[in-house]
Every structure is written in C-alpha cells, then in structure tokens.
C-alpha atoms as a PDB file:
ATOM      1  CA  MET A   1      -3.818 -17.597   5.652  1.00  0.00           C
ATOM      2  CA  GLN A   2      -6.837 -17.365   7.670  1.00  0.00           C
ATOM      3  CA  ILE A   3      -8.859 -13.910   7.389  1.00  0.00           C
ATOM      4  CA  LEU A   4     -10.867 -13.063  10.355  1.00  0.00           C
ATOM      5  CA  PRO A   5     -13.781 -10.595  11.150  1.00  0.00           C
ATOM      6  CA  SER A   6     -12.803  -7.626  12.064  1.00  0.00           C
ATOM      7  CA  LYS A   7     -14.610  -8.285  15.486  1.00  0.00           C
ATOM      8  CA  ALA A   8     -12.276 -11.277  15.909  1.00  0.00           C
ATOM      9  CA  SER A   9      -9.174  -8.361  16.052  1.00  0.00           C
ATOM     10  CA  PRO A  10      -9.882  -5.739  19.179  1.00  0.00           C
ATOM     11  CA  GLY A  11      -6.261  -4.280  18.158  1.00  0.00           C
ATOM     12  CA  LEU A  12      -6.669  -3.846  14.516  1.00  0.00           C
ATOM     13  CA  GLN A  13      -9.912  -2.126  15.248  1.00  0.00           C
ATOM     14  CA  LEU A  14      -8.202  -0.070  17.456  1.00  0.00           C
ATOM     15  CA  ILE A  15      -5.437   0.939  14.725  1.00  0.00           C
ATOM     16  CA  ASP A  16      -7.774   1.297  12.027  1.00  0.00           C
ATOM     17  CA  ILE A  17      -9.855   3.991  14.484  1.00  0.00           C
ATOM     18  CA  ALA A  18      -6.238   5.771  15.643  1.00  0.00           C
ATOM     19  CA  LEU A  19      -5.069   5.857  11.628  1.00  0.00           C
ATOM     20  CA  TRP A  20      -8.659   7.018  10.988  1.00  0.00           C
ATOM     21  CA  VAL A  21      -8.344   9.619  13.139  1.00  0.00           C
ATOM     22  CA  PHE A  22      -4.867  11.129  11.519  1.00  0.00           C
ATOM     23  CA  LYS A  23      -6.481  11.092   8.340  1.00  0.00           C
ATOM     24  CA  ARG A  24      -8.722  13.605   9.136  1.00  0.00           C
ATOM     25  CA  HIS A  25      -6.428  15.427  11.001  1.00  0.00           C
ATOM     26  CA  ILE A  26      -3.997  16.147   7.611  1.00  0.00           C
ATOM     27  CA  GLU A  27      -6.900  16.712   6.193  1.00  0.00           C
ATOM     28  CA  ASN A  28      -7.890  19.339   8.672  1.00  0.00           C
ATOM     29  CA  GLN A  29     -11.176  17.870   8.794  1.00  0.00           C
ATOM     30  CA  ILE A  30     -11.822  17.611  12.403  1.00  0.00           C
ATOM     31  CA  PRO A  31     -10.053  19.467  14.999  1.00  0.00           C
ATOM     32  CA  THR A  32      -7.987  17.846  17.634  1.00  0.00           C
ATOM     33  CA  THR A  33      -7.928  19.882  21.291  1.00  0.00           C
ATOM     34  CA  SER A  34      -7.212  17.066  23.396  1.00  0.00           C
ATOM     35  CA  GLU A  35      -3.530  16.444  24.405  1.00  0.00           C
ATOM     36  CA  GLU A  36      -3.537  12.511  24.187  1.00  0.00           C
ATOM     37  CA  THR A  37      -4.974  12.806  20.574  1.00  0.00           C
ATOM     38  CA  LEU A  38      -2.274  15.342  19.316  1.00  0.00           C
ATOM     39  CA  THR A  39       0.618  13.179  21.646  1.00  0.00           C
ATOM     40  CA  LEU A  40      -1.115  10.268  19.369  1.00  0.00           C
ATOM     41  CA  LEU A  41      -0.982  11.840  15.874  1.00  0.00           C
ATOM     42  CA  ARG A  42       2.902  12.836  16.589  1.00  0.00           C
ATOM     43  CA  GLU A  43       3.852   9.257  17.652  1.00  0.00           C
ATOM     44  CA  ILE A  44       1.505   8.186  14.110  1.00  0.00           C
ATOM     45  CA  SER A  45       3.443  10.771  12.202  1.00  0.00           C
ATOM     46  CA  LYS A  46       7.153   9.899  13.412  1.00  0.00           C
ATOM     47  CA  ARG A  47       6.477   6.199  11.935  1.00  0.00           C
ATOM     48  CA  ALA A  48       4.363   7.182   8.671  1.00  0.00           C
ATOM     49  CA  GLN A  49       4.793   7.298   5.478  1.00  0.00           C
ATOM     50  CA  VAL A  50       1.637   9.761   3.999  1.00  0.00           C
ATOM     51  CA  VAL A  51       1.218   8.914   0.355  1.00  0.00           C
ATOM     52  CA  ARG A  52      -1.208  10.392  -1.824  1.00  0.00           C
ATOM     53  CA  PHE A  53      -3.296   7.734  -3.381  1.00  0.00           C
ATOM     54  CA  ASP A  54      -5.531   9.090  -6.105  1.00  0.00           C
ATOM     55  CA  LEU A  55      -5.529   8.074 -10.576  1.00  0.00           C
ATOM     56  CA  ASP A  56      -3.203  10.722 -11.064  1.00  0.00           C
ATOM     57  CA  THR A  57      -0.446  10.096  -8.044  1.00  0.00           C
ATOM     58  CA  TYR A  58      -0.776   6.565  -9.227  1.00  0.00           C
ATOM     59  CA  ARG A  59      -0.153   7.353 -12.364  1.00  0.00           C
ATOM     60  CA  LYS A  60       2.740   9.974 -11.995  1.00  0.00           C
ATOM     61  CA  ARG A  61       4.549   7.710 -10.123  1.00  0.00           C
ATOM     62  CA  VAL A  62       3.678   4.279 -12.692  1.00  0.00           C
ATOM     63  CA  ASN A  63       5.414   6.773 -15.486  1.00  0.00           C
ATOM     64  CA  GLU A  64       8.284   7.803 -13.182  1.00  0.00           C
ATOM     65  CA  SER A  65       9.198   4.201 -12.382  1.00  0.00           C
ATOM     66  CA  LEU A  66       8.483   2.421 -15.758  1.00  0.00           C
ATOM     67  CA  GLY A  67       9.629   5.398 -17.641  1.00  0.00           C
ATOM     68  CA  PRO A  68      13.010   4.516 -18.559  1.00  0.00           C
ATOM     69  CA  ILE A  69      11.701   0.743 -19.561  1.00  0.00           C
ATOM     70  CA  MET A  70       9.202   1.580 -21.889  1.00  0.00           C
ATOM     71  CA  SER A  71      11.081   4.137 -23.525  1.00  0.00           C
ATOM     72  CA  GLY A  72      14.687   1.879 -24.206  1.00  0.00           C
ATOM     73  CA  GLU A  73      15.280  -1.581 -25.684  1.00  0.00           C
ATOM     74  CA  LEU A  74      15.245  -4.836 -23.854  1.00  0.00           C
ATOM     75  CA  THR A  75      18.093  -7.262 -24.185  1.00  0.00           C
ATOM     76  CA  GLU A  76      17.555 -10.730 -24.888  1.00  0.00           C
ATOM     77  CA  LYS A  77      19.240 -11.361 -21.543  1.00  0.00           C
ATOM     78  CA  GLN A  78      15.776  -8.563 -20.015  1.00  0.00           C
ATOM     79  CA  GLU A  79      12.900 -10.199 -22.202  1.00  0.00           C
ATOM     80  CA  GLU A  80      14.250 -13.911 -21.126  1.00  0.00           C
ATOM     81  CA  GLN A  81      14.128 -13.200 -17.822  1.00  0.00           C
ATOM     82  CA  ALA A  82      10.302 -11.397 -18.079  1.00  0.00           C
ATOM     83  CA  ARG A  83       9.173 -14.141 -19.334  1.00  0.00           C
ATOM     84  CA  SER A  84      10.644 -16.642 -16.850  1.00  0.00           C
ATOM     85  CA  LEU A  85       9.056 -14.519 -13.533  1.00  0.00           C
ATOM     86  CA  MET A  86       5.623 -14.103 -15.798  1.00  0.00           C
ATOM     87  CA  GLY A  87       5.977 -17.839 -15.891  1.00  0.00           C
ATOM     88  CA  GLN A  88       6.439 -18.403 -12.318  1.00  0.00           C
ATOM     89  CA  SER A  89       4.028 -15.804 -10.973  1.00  0.00           C
ATOM     90  CA  GLU A  90       1.322 -17.613 -13.321  1.00  0.00           C
ATOM     91  CA  ALA A  91       2.446 -20.879 -12.068  1.00  0.00           C
ATOM     92  CA  GLU A  92       2.005 -19.201  -8.613  1.00  0.00           C
ATOM     93  CA  ARG A  93      -1.628 -18.103  -9.338  1.00  0.00           C
ATOM     94  CA  ILE A  94      -2.750 -21.155 -10.647  1.00  0.00           C
ATOM     95  CA  LYS A  95      -1.260 -23.291  -7.530  1.00  0.00           C
ATOM     96  CA  ARG A  96      -2.882 -20.436  -4.637  1.00  0.00           C
ATOM     97  CA  MET A  97      -6.585 -20.390  -7.447  1.00  0.00           C
ATOM     98  CA  ASN A  98      -6.318 -24.700  -7.054  1.00  0.00           C
ATOM     99  CA  SER A  99      -5.834 -24.986  -2.931  1.00  0.00           C
ATOM    100  CA  GLU A 100      -8.500 -22.431  -2.417  1.00  0.00           C
END
C-alpha cells in the first residue's frame, strides 16, 4: 500500500471538496443557490448515508451492538473463538509492524 500526498490525487481532492460542501449544506452553514451545486448535492444525497459521529452517538451505537454480548455469558466455544480471533489479529498486527 502506498500513501500519496493529496497533491498527487486531484480526483480525491475533488471528492473532498464536494463532501465538504455537502456537510456544510446539511448543517445549514452555507446557502446553496447555484442550480449546479444543488444538483451535485442531490446526487450525493441519493448515494450517501449521513451518520452523526460524535462521542455520545458512538457510545450509543457500541452499547446497542455489544449490549447483548456484554450482558450475557459466553459459551466455552464463543470464548475459544474470541481468543482465536484475538490471536490472529495480534499476529497480523505484528506482521504489519515488522514489514514497515
């Protein structure tokens, strides 16, 4: 994997600008009077999923998804699978660290 500076990726810069305008639009921070801009924003809206990402929302989502797991007892098999997955993740992390 190669990470390039943003100057080397004009397409990514263009997408970043479009998403910045979209964010400002949905937060009512900038007026959009241009028909071309409104067309772009409608197209982004059709394909986008707007998710509020702040600490409270993140906590709520984690609790909703992990609540049932955290409030119940793990079976021996589930615990074994979790330990195996954790071991695999750690091995991959170490491999990535050594390859850089």
